[in-house]
């Protein structure tokens, strides 16, 4: 690195480190322009801040978004766009998500041995890429219907990172037992460069199929996404009620989503269709034989223990025996105790992946606090709710979808369910219309939000994970690869919401599968909230 000649140049070089100079200048311009815009129009400044924050996410491979996004958030608080108390309120309201990231992702780290064992066999046995992709997408959807999407995506990231590490060791001229170093890309043999690029494309497509799968499954049940619990709570629906009421929209969307997964692999569009290179398959097969031959009794004991812990994890999350973060903490304690990991430094490595993202998500909640304080979504919300009947239904769906592409879908869902619940209490809408609108809020926040990484925490976690730069999975590439899914899910769920939802709901009433929520239940819900 050339020597700096002046102190000013030194400051500039230190600012945001290795990020490109144009990016550094852009962030400084943002910081200078925001106070001026805020002086003339706080509302415009709020929307400008959202655009700037999305820009920092889009540049995640150039510079981790925590630093530039954090600077924007600090300036927003300093200018009075929001307050430290409001930011703290948002963090407190989302404490379960933060604890999930801190403990659950670390818990998954201590189950890597089992995950790699299972998925290596799956990868070797299933030779059809279409079938393998469908398996990843469906498994992610099924698990996300009962577990948290962040937990599911953390598992998939752990698996993909394990595959990449195995291949990289061999391609770098090392043996399986050597410690792995991701920084050795330049040491790869020239003969393996094409294999590496194809392997990256292969893993990218699997990651995106799985990520979309979490959205397809998460929309289906009361526990699939955080906003589902809020929506179900306001409506007074239990698990079965919720699943049946949203089924006229979620089941067609799930079917066409899985169909899209297979078609994308067949036609090889939008970055999909890459096959597992023969050289890589050979390496993975060799690794499986190597692992099997050298597996000791202690290794077998570890796998058995991790399998039992996996069962506890699934049962605990599916039955909601405790907050997700606390179940993650129990996984850490059980897995490390049973496998003999008692060194503090070995424990620390498990938290390296999640803590930067936890900090980034905290910054994101500061941006959400600005949205709330400046009422940035109020014009859209008021306009949508000024309509009636079907016109109101599809507008609520689209408004939730579009705003969820920009902001966090949990926040958008919370805002809209509060608004329509207030309309119900005021007598502006009927109970039947409220039920239909609640479904529209649920599907609108969950499905179109796959369009951008900032729409869902699971997508954002994937974008900012250590795996993303290894697979060259940028913000733009994620948006591009999600585009066919976005189009299909948006069209199918919108058509189902407008044309199928009301007739299907009436049929469900007639069949006695769902009931009108009684006045007693409504008053109980009202009193609770």
Protein backbone atom coordinates (compact mmCIF):
# COMPACT_ATOMS: atom_id res chain seq x y z
CA UNK A 1 0.00 0.00 0.00
CA UNK A 2 1.49 3.41 -1.00
CA UNK A 3 2.41 5.82 1.78
CA UNK A 4 0.02 8.69 2.48
CA UNK A 5 1.49 12.17 2.06
CA UNK A 6 -0.90 14.23 4.20
CA UNK A 7 -2.95 13.70 7.33
CA UNK A 8 -6.15 14.40 5.35
CA UNK A 9 -5.25 11.65 2.89
CA UNK A 10 -4.58 9.34 5.82
CA UNK A 11 -8.05 10.05 7.26
CA UNK A 12 -9.62 9.35 3.86
CA UNK A 13 -7.73 6.08 3.46
CA UNK A 14 -8.74 4.95 6.93
CA UNK A 15 -12.41 5.89 6.43
CA UNK A 16 -14.29 2.69 5.49
CA UNK A 17 -10.97 0.92 4.86
CA UNK A 18 -10.67 -0.96 1.57
CA UNK A 19 -14.01 0.27 0.16
CA UNK A 20 -13.69 2.04 -3.23
CA UNK A 21 -13.07 5.80 -3.11
CA UNK A 22 -16.30 6.52 -5.03
CA UNK A 23 -18.27 4.64 -2.36
CA UNK A 24 -16.59 6.62 0.44
CA UNK A 25 -17.38 9.90 -1.31
CA UNK A 26 -20.99 8.83 -1.89
CA UNK A 27 -21.51 8.09 1.82
CA UNK A 28 -19.97 11.47 2.76
CA UNK A 29 -22.28 13.22 0.29
CA UNK A 30 -25.26 11.43 1.89
CA UNK A 31 -24.17 12.64 5.31
CA UNK A 32 -23.83 16.22 4.06
CA UNK A 33 -27.10 16.32 2.08
CA UNK A 34 -29.38 14.76 4.72
CA UNK A 35 -29.36 17.73 7.18
CA UNK A 36 -30.17 20.14 4.33
CA UNK A 37 -33.11 18.06 3.08
CA UNK A 38 -34.34 17.49 6.64
CA UNK A 39 -34.38 21.26 7.25
CA UNK A 40 -36.81 21.77 4.36
CA UNK A 41 -38.82 18.52 4.54
CA UNK A 42 -38.45 15.86 7.26
CA UNK A 43 -40.75 13.57 5.24
CA UNK A 44 -38.54 13.78 2.13
CA UNK A 45 -35.43 13.32 4.28
CA UNK A 46 -36.94 10.15 5.74
CA UNK A 47 -37.53 8.60 2.33
CA UNK A 48 -34.07 9.72 1.19
CA UNK A 49 -32.61 7.93 4.23
CA UNK A 50 -34.41 4.71 3.26
CA UNK A 51 -33.00 4.91 -0.29
CA UNK A 52 -29.50 5.57 1.09
CA UNK A 53 -29.74 2.61 3.47
CA UNK A 54 -30.89 0.31 0.64
CA UNK A 55 -27.86 1.55 -1.32
CA UNK A 56 -25.54 0.43 1.52
CA UNK A 57 -27.19 -3.01 1.42
CA UNK A 58 -26.76 -3.17 -2.36
CA UNK A 59 -23.04 -2.51 -1.91
CA UNK A 60 -22.63 -5.22 0.77
CA UNK A 61 -19.81 -6.95 -1.16
CA UNK A 62 -17.88 -3.66 -1.38
CA UNK A 63 -18.38 -2.69 2.26
CA UNK A 64 -20.31 -4.45 5.04
CA UNK A 65 -23.49 -2.34 5.53
CA UNK A 66 -23.07 -1.97 9.31
CA UNK A 67 -20.60 0.90 9.05
CA UNK A 68 -22.15 3.13 6.35
CA UNK A 69 -25.69 2.23 7.44
CA UNK A 70 -24.74 2.86 11.05
CA UNK A 71 -23.38 6.32 10.21
CA UNK A 72 -26.68 7.18 8.48
CA UNK A 73 -28.66 5.92 11.49
CA UNK A 74 -26.53 7.90 13.96
CA UNK A 75 -27.02 11.05 11.88
CA UNK A 76 -30.80 10.42 11.74
CA UNK A 77 -30.94 10.28 15.54
CA UNK A 78 -28.72 13.36 15.85
CA UNK A 79 -30.96 15.33 13.47
CA UNK A 80 -34.10 14.36 15.40
CA UNK A 81 -35.58 12.16 12.66
CA UNK A 82 -36.09 9.68 15.49
CA UNK A 83 -35.03 9.42 19.12
CA UNK A 84 -32.80 7.03 21.08
CA UNK A 85 -35.91 6.00 23.06
CA UNK A 86 -37.76 5.07 19.84
CA UNK A 87 -34.76 3.05 18.62
CA UNK A 88 -34.60 1.29 21.98
CA UNK A 89 -38.33 0.59 21.77
CA UNK A 90 -37.84 -1.09 18.38
CA UNK A 91 -34.92 -3.14 19.69
CA UNK A 92 -36.93 -4.22 22.72
CA UNK A 93 -39.93 -5.12 20.56
CA UNK A 94 -37.65 -7.30 18.42
CA UNK A 95 -35.57 -8.81 21.22
CA UNK A 96 -36.63 -12.36 20.24
CA UNK A 97 -35.23 -11.88 16.73
CA UNK A 98 -31.95 -10.54 18.12
CA UNK A 99 -31.61 -13.40 20.63
CA UNK A 100 -32.43 -15.83 17.82
CA UNK A 101 -29.50 -14.51 15.81
CA UNK A 102 -27.07 -14.51 18.73
CA UNK A 103 -27.86 -17.98 20.06
CA UNK A 104 -29.60 -20.01 17.34
CA UNK A 105 -27.01 -19.36 14.62
CA UNK A 106 -24.26 -20.23 17.10
CA UNK A 107 -26.17 -23.39 18.04
CA UNK A 108 -26.30 -24.46 14.39
CA UNK A 109 -22.49 -24.04 14.26
CA UNK A 110 -22.12 -26.87 16.78
CA UNK A 111 -24.29 -29.15 14.65
CA UNK A 112 -22.28 -28.74 11.45
CA UNK A 113 -20.87 -32.26 11.70
CA UNK A 114 -24.36 -33.80 11.52
CA UNK A 115 -25.58 -31.39 8.82
CA UNK A 116 -22.57 -32.06 6.61
CA UNK A 117 -23.00 -35.82 7.13
CA UNK A 118 -26.67 -35.73 6.03
CA UNK A 119 -26.40 -33.26 3.17
CA UNK A 120 -23.23 -34.76 1.69
CA UNK A 121 -25.08 -38.06 1.30
CA UNK A 122 -28.08 -36.18 -0.16
CA UNK A 123 -25.88 -34.34 -2.66
CA UNK A 124 -24.13 -37.52 -3.78
CA UNK A 125 -27.28 -39.66 -4.01
CA UNK A 126 -29.50 -37.17 -5.89
CA UNK A 127 -27.86 -36.60 -9.26
CA UNK A 128 -30.75 -34.66 -10.84
CA UNK A 129 -30.23 -30.91 -10.22
CA UNK A 130 -33.96 -30.24 -10.68
CA UNK A 131 -34.87 -32.84 -8.07
CA UNK A 132 -32.16 -31.64 -5.69
CA UNK A 133 -33.32 -28.02 -6.04
CA UNK A 134 -36.92 -29.07 -5.46
CA UNK A 135 -35.82 -30.99 -2.35
CA UNK A 136 -34.00 -27.91 -0.97
CA UNK A 137 -36.93 -25.59 -1.76
CA UNK A 138 -39.59 -27.91 -0.36
CA UNK A 139 -37.58 -28.80 2.75
CA UNK A 140 -37.01 -25.08 3.46
CA UNK A 141 -40.73 -24.40 2.95
CA UNK A 142 -41.83 -27.27 5.19
CA UNK A 143 -39.41 -26.37 7.99
CA UNK A 144 -40.23 -22.66 7.77
CA UNK A 145 -43.91 -23.42 8.31
CA UNK A 146 -43.02 -24.61 11.82
CA UNK A 147 -39.58 -23.17 12.56
CA UNK A 148 -38.19 -19.68 12.08
CA UNK A 149 -36.94 -18.82 8.58
CA UNK A 150 -33.68 -17.44 10.01
CA UNK A 151 -32.99 -20.80 11.67
CA UNK A 152 -33.66 -22.63 8.40
CA UNK A 153 -31.45 -20.32 6.34
CA UNK A 154 -28.69 -20.60 8.98
CA UNK A 155 -28.76 -24.38 8.49
CA UNK A 156 -28.54 -24.06 4.70
CA UNK A 157 -25.68 -21.54 4.96
CA UNK A 158 -23.80 -23.91 7.30
CA UNK A 159 -24.23 -26.76 4.80
CA UNK A 160 -23.14 -24.72 1.76
CA UNK A 161 -20.13 -23.34 3.66
CA UNK A 162 -19.15 -26.90 4.55
CA UNK A 163 -19.33 -28.03 0.92
CA UNK A 164 -17.31 -25.03 -0.23
CA UNK A 165 -14.66 -25.67 2.43
CA UNK A 166 -14.24 -29.31 1.42
CA UNK A 167 -13.76 -28.47 -2.26
CA UNK A 168 -11.52 -25.50 -1.52
CA UNK A 169 -9.11 -27.56 0.56
CA UNK A 170 -8.55 -30.04 -2.24
CA UNK A 171 -8.44 -27.39 -4.97
CA UNK A 172 -5.81 -25.50 -2.95
CA UNK A 173 -3.62 -28.60 -2.81
CA UNK A 174 -4.45 -29.53 0.78
CA UNK A 175 -5.77 -32.70 2.40
CA UNK A 176 -9.16 -33.00 4.09
CA UNK A 177 -7.65 -32.89 7.56
CA UNK A 178 -5.82 -29.58 6.99
CA UNK A 179 -7.31 -26.45 8.57
CA UNK A 180 -9.28 -24.50 5.99
CA UNK A 181 -8.52 -20.95 4.84
CA UNK A 182 -11.00 -19.09 2.61
CA UNK A 183 -8.35 -16.50 1.69
CA UNK A 184 -6.51 -18.84 -0.66
CA UNK A 185 -8.61 -18.23 -3.80
CA UNK A 186 -5.49 -17.08 -5.64
CA UNK A 187 -3.79 -20.41 -4.90
CA UNK A 188 -6.38 -22.46 -6.77
CA UNK A 189 -4.92 -24.40 -9.65
CA UNK A 190 -5.78 -22.96 -13.07
CA UNK A 191 -7.31 -26.27 -14.09
CA UNK A 192 -9.93 -25.96 -11.36
CA UNK A 193 -11.00 -22.36 -12.08
CA UNK A 194 -13.92 -23.33 -14.33
CA UNK A 195 -14.98 -25.99 -11.85
CA UNK A 196 -14.90 -23.40 -9.07
CA UNK A 197 -17.08 -20.93 -10.98
CA UNK A 198 -19.56 -23.68 -11.87
CA UNK A 199 -19.59 -24.91 -8.27
CA UNK A 200 -20.28 -21.38 -7.06
CA UNK A 201 -23.18 -21.08 -9.50
CA UNK A 202 -24.45 -24.48 -8.33
CA UNK A 203 -24.42 -23.45 -4.66
CA UNK A 204 -25.88 -19.99 -5.45
CA UNK A 205 -28.92 -21.54 -7.08
CA UNK A 206 -29.47 -23.96 -4.19
CA UNK A 207 -29.21 -21.09 -1.68
CA UNK A 208 -31.76 -18.99 -3.58
CA UNK A 209 -34.18 -21.92 -3.97
CA UNK A 210 -33.95 -22.54 -0.22
CA UNK A 211 -34.34 -18.84 0.62
CA UNK A 212 -37.51 -18.57 -1.48
CA UNK A 213 -38.68 -21.81 0.11
CA UNK A 214 -38.58 -20.14 3.54
CA UNK A 215 -41.03 -17.50 2.24
CA UNK A 216 -43.31 -20.09 0.61
CA UNK A 217 -43.59 -22.03 3.87
CA UNK A 218 -43.46 -19.10 6.27
CA UNK A 219 -46.66 -17.58 4.89
CA UNK A 220 -48.71 -20.73 5.54
CA UNK A 221 -48.91 -20.93 9.33
CA UNK A 222 -49.38 -18.82 12.43
CA UNK A 223 -45.78 -19.45 13.55
CA UNK A 224 -44.12 -19.18 10.13
CA UNK A 225 -43.19 -15.48 10.40
CA UNK A 226 -43.25 -12.98 13.32
CA UNK A 227 -45.95 -10.83 11.69
CA UNK A 228 -48.18 -13.90 11.30
CA UNK A 229 -48.41 -14.15 15.09
CA UNK A 230 -49.34 -10.47 15.31
CA UNK A 231 -51.98 -10.81 12.56
CA UNK A 232 -53.40 -14.00 14.06
CA UNK A 233 -53.49 -12.40 17.50
CA UNK A 234 -55.46 -9.40 16.28
CA UNK A 235 -57.89 -11.64 14.39
CA UNK A 236 -58.32 -14.09 17.26
CA UNK A 237 -57.23 -17.08 15.12
CA UNK A 238 -55.51 -20.19 16.47
CA UNK A 239 -53.00 -22.30 14.49
CA UNK A 240 -55.64 -24.34 12.60
CA UNK A 241 -57.86 -21.29 11.92
CA UNK A 242 -54.94 -19.35 10.50
CA UNK A 243 -53.73 -22.16 8.23
CA UNK A 244 -57.23 -22.81 6.82
CA UNK A 245 -58.07 -19.13 6.25
CA UNK A 246 -54.88 -18.36 4.32
CA UNK A 247 -54.88 -21.67 2.40
CA UNK A 248 -56.92 -20.36 -0.60
CA UNK A 249 -53.95 -18.08 -1.34
CA UNK A 250 -50.95 -19.94 0.12
CA UNK A 251 -51.55 -23.40 -1.38
CA UNK A 252 -51.79 -22.27 -5.05
CA UNK A 253 -48.77 -20.05 -4.47
CA UNK A 254 -46.78 -22.91 -2.92
CA UNK A 255 -47.62 -25.16 -5.88
CA UNK A 256 -46.60 -22.59 -8.50
CA UNK A 257 -43.52 -21.62 -6.47
CA UNK A 258 -42.27 -25.21 -6.46
CA UNK A 259 -43.15 -25.53 -10.16
CA UNK A 260 -41.09 -22.39 -10.85
CA UNK A 261 -38.14 -23.99 -9.01
CA UNK A 262 -38.20 -27.00 -11.36
CA UNK A 263 -38.73 -24.91 -14.51
CA UNK A 264 -35.84 -22.55 -13.69
CA UNK A 265 -33.49 -25.52 -13.42
CA UNK A 266 -34.79 -26.96 -16.70
CA UNK A 267 -34.54 -23.76 -18.78
CA UNK A 268 -31.41 -22.48 -16.94
CA UNK A 269 -32.51 -18.84 -16.87
CA UNK A 270 -31.77 -16.10 -14.32
CA UNK A 271 -28.55 -17.74 -13.15
CA UNK A 272 -30.07 -21.16 -12.41
CA UNK A 273 -29.33 -24.54 -13.92
CA UNK A 274 -25.64 -24.96 -13.04
CA UNK A 275 -24.81 -28.63 -12.46
CA UNK A 276 -22.40 -30.04 -9.89
CA UNK A 277 -19.06 -30.40 -11.74
CA UNK A 278 -17.77 -33.96 -12.02
CA UNK A 279 -14.51 -32.97 -10.32
CA UNK A 280 -16.41 -31.58 -7.34
CA UNK A 281 -18.69 -34.62 -7.11
CA UNK A 282 -15.56 -36.79 -7.05
CA UNK A 283 -14.09 -34.66 -4.26
CA UNK A 284 -17.28 -34.93 -2.20
CA UNK A 285 -17.43 -38.68 -2.75
CA UNK A 286 -13.78 -38.97 -1.69
CA UNK A 287 -14.54 -36.85 1.36
CA UNK A 288 -17.44 -39.11 2.33
CA UNK A 289 -15.25 -42.22 2.02
CA UNK A 290 -12.44 -40.47 3.90
CA UNK A 291 -14.83 -39.46 6.70
CA UNK A 292 -16.40 -42.91 6.91
CA UNK A 293 -13.05 -44.73 7.05
CA UNK A 294 -11.65 -42.45 9.77
CA UNK A 295 -14.82 -42.02 11.82
CA UNK A 296 -13.99 -42.95 15.41
CA UNK A 297 -16.36 -44.07 18.16
CA UNK A 298 -16.24 -40.52 19.54
CA UNK A 299 -17.25 -39.13 16.13
CA UNK A 300 -20.18 -41.56 15.98
CA UNK A 301 -21.16 -40.55 19.52
CA UNK A 302 -21.07 -36.88 18.45
CA UNK A 303 -23.35 -37.59 15.47
CA UNK A 304 -25.83 -39.47 17.66
CA UNK A 305 -25.89 -36.67 20.23
CA UNK A 306 -26.34 -34.02 17.51
CA UNK A 307 -29.22 -36.06 16.02
CA UNK A 308 -31.00 -36.09 19.39
CA UNK A 309 -30.39 -32.35 19.77
CA UNK A 310 -31.79 -31.79 16.26
CA UNK A 311 -34.98 -33.60 17.31
CA UNK A 312 -35.18 -31.40 20.42
CA UNK A 313 -34.63 -28.33 18.24
CA UNK A 314 -37.46 -29.22 15.85
CA UNK A 315 -39.90 -30.24 18.61
CA UNK A 316 -39.04 -27.22 20.77
CA UNK A 317 -39.52 -24.77 17.91
CA UNK A 318 -42.60 -26.45 16.41
CA UNK A 319 -44.40 -26.54 19.78
CA UNK A 320 -43.01 -23.14 20.84
CA UNK A 321 -41.84 -24.48 24.19
CA UNK A 322 -39.71 -21.35 24.65
CA UNK A 323 -38.54 -18.27 22.77
CA UNK A 324 -36.44 -19.22 19.73
CA UNK A 325 -33.32 -17.60 21.15
CA UNK A 326 -33.61 -19.55 24.39
CA UNK A 327 -34.00 -22.83 22.49
CA UNK A 328 -30.86 -21.85 20.56
CA UNK A 329 -29.04 -21.27 23.85
CA UNK A 330 -30.12 -24.72 25.04
CA UNK A 331 -28.71 -26.20 21.80
CA UNK A 332 -25.35 -24.54 22.49
CA UNK A 333 -25.24 -25.86 26.07
CA UNK A 334 -26.33 -29.39 25.13
CA UNK A 335 -24.13 -29.69 22.02
CA UNK A 336 -20.96 -28.31 23.59
CA UNK A 337 -21.42 -30.27 26.82
CA UNK A 338 -21.94 -33.56 25.01
CA UNK A 339 -19.15 -33.08 22.45
CA UNK A 340 -16.51 -31.73 24.85
CA UNK A 341 -16.22 -28.15 23.53
CA UNK A 342 -15.37 -26.32 26.75
CA UNK A 343 -12.69 -23.85 25.60
CA UNK A 344 -13.83 -20.22 25.51
CA UNK A 345 -12.01 -19.49 22.24
CA UNK A 346 -13.68 -22.44 20.50
CA UNK A 347 -17.03 -21.19 21.74
CA UNK A 348 -16.26 -17.70 20.44
CA UNK A 349 -15.91 -18.86 16.83
CA UNK A 350 -19.56 -19.91 16.79
CA UNK A 351 -20.68 -16.33 17.36
CA UNK A 352 -18.53 -14.73 14.64
CA UNK A 353 -21.11 -15.23 11.89
CA UNK A 354 -24.17 -13.92 13.73
CA UNK A 355 -22.95 -10.93 15.75
CA UNK A 356 -22.13 -8.58 12.84
CA UNK A 357 -25.58 -9.25 11.39
CA UNK A 358 -27.18 -8.74 14.81
CA UNK A 359 -25.53 -5.30 14.93
CA UNK A 360 -26.68 -4.58 11.35
CA UNK A 361 -30.25 -5.58 12.18
CA UNK A 362 -30.15 -3.21 15.17
CA UNK A 363 -29.18 -0.40 12.77
CA UNK A 364 -32.05 -1.48 10.52
CA UNK A 365 -34.46 -1.11 13.45
CA UNK A 366 -33.17 2.45 13.86
CA UNK A 367 -34.23 3.11 10.25
CA UNK A 368 -37.62 1.55 11.05
CA UNK A 369 -37.88 3.97 14.00
CA UNK A 370 -37.43 6.83 11.52
CA UNK A 371 -40.22 5.39 9.33
CA UNK A 372 -42.53 5.32 12.36
CA UNK A 373 -41.64 8.76 13.72
CA UNK A 374 -41.89 10.49 10.33
CA UNK A 375 -45.07 8.59 9.30
CA UNK A 376 -43.45 7.73 5.98
CA UNK A 377 -45.98 5.03 5.10
CA UNK A 378 -49.04 7.02 6.26
CA UNK A 379 -50.02 8.45 2.81
CA UNK A 380 -50.02 4.97 1.22
CA UNK A 381 -51.89 3.42 4.15
CA UNK A 382 -54.56 6.14 4.24
CA UNK A 383 -55.08 5.96 0.45
CA UNK A 384 -55.46 2.17 0.46
CA UNK A 385 -57.94 2.12 3.33
CA UNK A 386 -60.08 4.81 1.69
CA UNK A 387 -61.41 2.16 -0.73
CA UNK A 388 -63.97 -0.54 -0.05
CA UNK A 389 -64.64 -4.19 -0.98
CA UNK A 390 -62.44 -5.88 -3.60
CA UNK A 391 -60.81 -2.56 -4.48
CA UNK A 392 -59.59 -2.31 -0.90
CA UNK A 393 -58.51 -5.98 -0.80
CA UNK A 394 -56.12 -5.97 -3.74
CA UNK A 395 -54.77 -2.53 -2.84
CA UNK A 396 -53.96 -3.70 0.69
CA UNK A 397 -52.17 -6.71 -0.79
CA UNK A 398 -50.11 -4.65 -3.25
CA UNK A 399 -49.34 -1.89 -0.75
CA UNK A 400 -48.04 -4.46 1.75
CA UNK A 401 -46.03 -6.16 -0.97
CA UNK A 402 -44.41 -2.99 -2.34
CA UNK A 403 -43.63 -1.54 1.09
CA UNK A 404 -42.21 -4.89 2.24
CA UNK A 405 -39.75 -4.76 -0.67
CA UNK A 406 -38.46 -1.48 0.78
CA UNK A 407 -38.77 -2.05 4.50
CA UNK A 408 -38.95 -5.00 6.87
CA UNK A 409 -42.06 -7.11 6.23
CA UNK A 410 -42.68 -7.58 9.97
CA UNK A 411 -42.93 -3.82 10.45
CA UNK A 412 -45.19 -3.35 7.40
CA UNK A 413 -47.49 -6.18 8.50
CA UNK A 414 -47.72 -4.73 12.01
CA UNK A 415 -48.60 -1.25 10.71
CA UNK A 416 -51.36 -2.51 8.40
CA UNK A 417 -52.99 -4.98 10.80
CA UNK A 418 -53.13 -2.20 13.42
CA UNK A 419 -54.81 0.13 10.91
CA UNK A 420 -57.45 -2.34 9.75
CA UNK A 421 -58.07 -3.46 13.35
CA UNK A 422 -58.74 0.19 14.25
CA UNK A 423 -61.11 0.39 11.26
CA UNK A 424 -62.93 -2.69 12.56
CA UNK A 425 -63.29 -1.19 16.03
CA UNK A 426 -64.57 2.08 14.54
CA UNK A 427 -67.16 0.22 12.49
CA UNK A 428 -65.59 1.38 9.22
CA UNK A 429 -65.28 -2.22 7.97
CA UNK A 430 -67.22 -5.39 8.79
CA UNK A 431 -65.77 -8.42 10.55
CA UNK A 432 -65.90 -10.44 7.32
CA UNK A 433 -63.98 -7.74 5.46
CA UNK A 434 -61.45 -7.59 8.30
CA UNK A 435 -60.81 -11.34 7.99
CA UNK A 436 -60.19 -11.02 4.24
CA UNK A 437 -57.92 -8.00 4.74
CA UNK A 438 -55.95 -9.85 7.45
CA UNK A 439 -55.20 -12.61 4.93
CA UNK A 440 -54.18 -9.98 2.36
CA UNK A 441 -51.79 -8.39 4.88
CA UNK A 442 -50.27 -11.78 5.69
CA UNK A 443 -49.74 -12.86 2.07
CA UNK A 444 -48.79 -9.36 0.92
CA UNK A 445 -45.97 -9.00 3.44
CA UNK A 446 -44.63 -12.55 3.04
CA UNK A 447 -44.64 -13.24 -0.70
CA UNK A 448 -43.71 -10.17 -2.82
CA UNK A 449 -41.01 -9.30 -0.26
CA UNK A 450 -38.77 -11.98 -1.81
CA UNK A 451 -37.99 -9.35 -4.47
CA UNK A 452 -35.23 -7.72 -2.39
CA UNK A 453 -32.91 -8.84 0.43
CA UNK A 454 -34.18 -6.04 2.69
CA UNK A 455 -37.73 -7.46 2.51
CA UNK A 456 -37.04 -10.46 4.76
CA UNK A 457 -34.48 -10.96 7.51
CA UNK A 458 -33.56 -14.43 6.18
CA UNK A 459 -32.63 -12.95 2.76
CA UNK A 460 -30.67 -10.13 4.40
CA UNK A 461 -28.83 -12.64 6.58
CA UNK A 462 -27.85 -14.62 3.48
CA UNK A 463 -26.65 -11.47 1.68
CA UNK A 464 -24.46 -10.36 4.60
CA UNK A 465 -23.19 -13.84 5.56
CA UNK A 466 -19.58 -14.90 5.09
CA UNK A 467 -20.81 -17.28 2.38
CA UNK A 468 -22.16 -14.54 0.07
CA UNK A 469 -18.76 -13.15 -1.07
CA UNK A 470 -17.43 -16.70 -1.52
CA UNK A 471 -20.30 -17.48 -3.91
CA UNK A 472 -20.25 -13.96 -5.46
CA UNK A 473 -23.85 -13.52 -4.29
CA UNK A 474 -24.35 -9.75 -4.44
CA UNK A 475 -27.49 -7.67 -3.80
CA UNK A 476 -28.06 -7.22 -7.53
CA UNK A 477 -27.59 -10.90 -8.25
CA UNK A 478 -30.04 -11.84 -5.48
CA UNK A 479 -32.64 -9.44 -6.92
CA UNK A 480 -32.08 -10.88 -10.42
CA UNK A 481 -32.31 -14.50 -9.29
CA UNK A 482 -35.40 -13.72 -7.19
CA UNK A 483 -37.12 -11.93 -10.09
CA UNK A 484 -38.86 -14.96 -11.69
CA UNK A 485 -40.07 -16.06 -8.27
CA UNK A 486 -41.24 -12.51 -7.49
CA UNK A 487 -43.28 -12.34 -10.72
CA UNK A 488 -44.87 -15.78 -10.25
CA UNK A 489 -45.61 -15.38 -6.53
CA UNK A 490 -46.98 -11.87 -7.03
CA UNK A 491 -49.32 -12.83 -9.89
CA UNK A 492 -50.56 -16.10 -8.38
CA UNK A 493 -51.11 -14.73 -4.87
CA UNK A 494 -52.76 -11.54 -6.17
CA UNK A 495 -55.15 -13.48 -8.44
CA UNK A 496 -55.93 -15.89 -5.59
CA UNK A 497 -56.56 -12.98 -3.20
CA UNK A 498 -58.93 -11.22 -5.58
CA UNK A 499 -60.74 -14.14 -7.24
CA UNK A 500 -60.48 -17.16 -4.93
CA UNK A 501 -60.20 -15.88 -1.35
CA UNK A 502 -63.76 -14.65 -0.75
CA UNK A 503 -65.62 -17.57 -2.46
CA UNK A 504 -63.32 -20.07 -0.74
CA UNK A 505 -63.84 -18.39 2.65
CA UNK A 506 -67.62 -18.50 2.17
CA UNK A 507 -67.34 -22.20 1.30
CA UNK A 508 -65.27 -22.83 4.41
CA UNK A 509 -67.93 -21.10 6.53
CA UNK A 510 -70.66 -23.24 4.93
CA UNK A 511 -68.65 -26.41 5.51
CA UNK A 512 -68.16 -25.47 9.16
CA UNK A 513 -64.35 -25.57 8.89
CA UNK A 514 -64.08 -21.99 10.16
CA UNK A 515 -66.44 -19.88 12.23
CA UNK A 516 -67.13 -16.20 12.53
CA UNK A 517 -65.15 -14.91 15.50
CA UNK A 518 -67.68 -14.32 18.26
CA UNK A 519 -68.25 -11.01 20.02
CA UNK A 520 -66.76 -12.57 23.17
CA UNK A 521 -63.57 -13.53 21.30
CA UNK A 522 -63.39 -10.07 19.73
CA UNK A 523 -63.71 -8.34 23.09
CA UNK A 524 -61.06 -10.67 24.54
CA UNK A 525 -58.68 -9.86 21.68
CA UNK A 526 -59.45 -6.15 22.07
CA UNK A 527 -58.80 -6.26 25.80
CA UNK A 528 -55.56 -8.19 25.32
CA UNK A 529 -54.17 -5.68 22.81
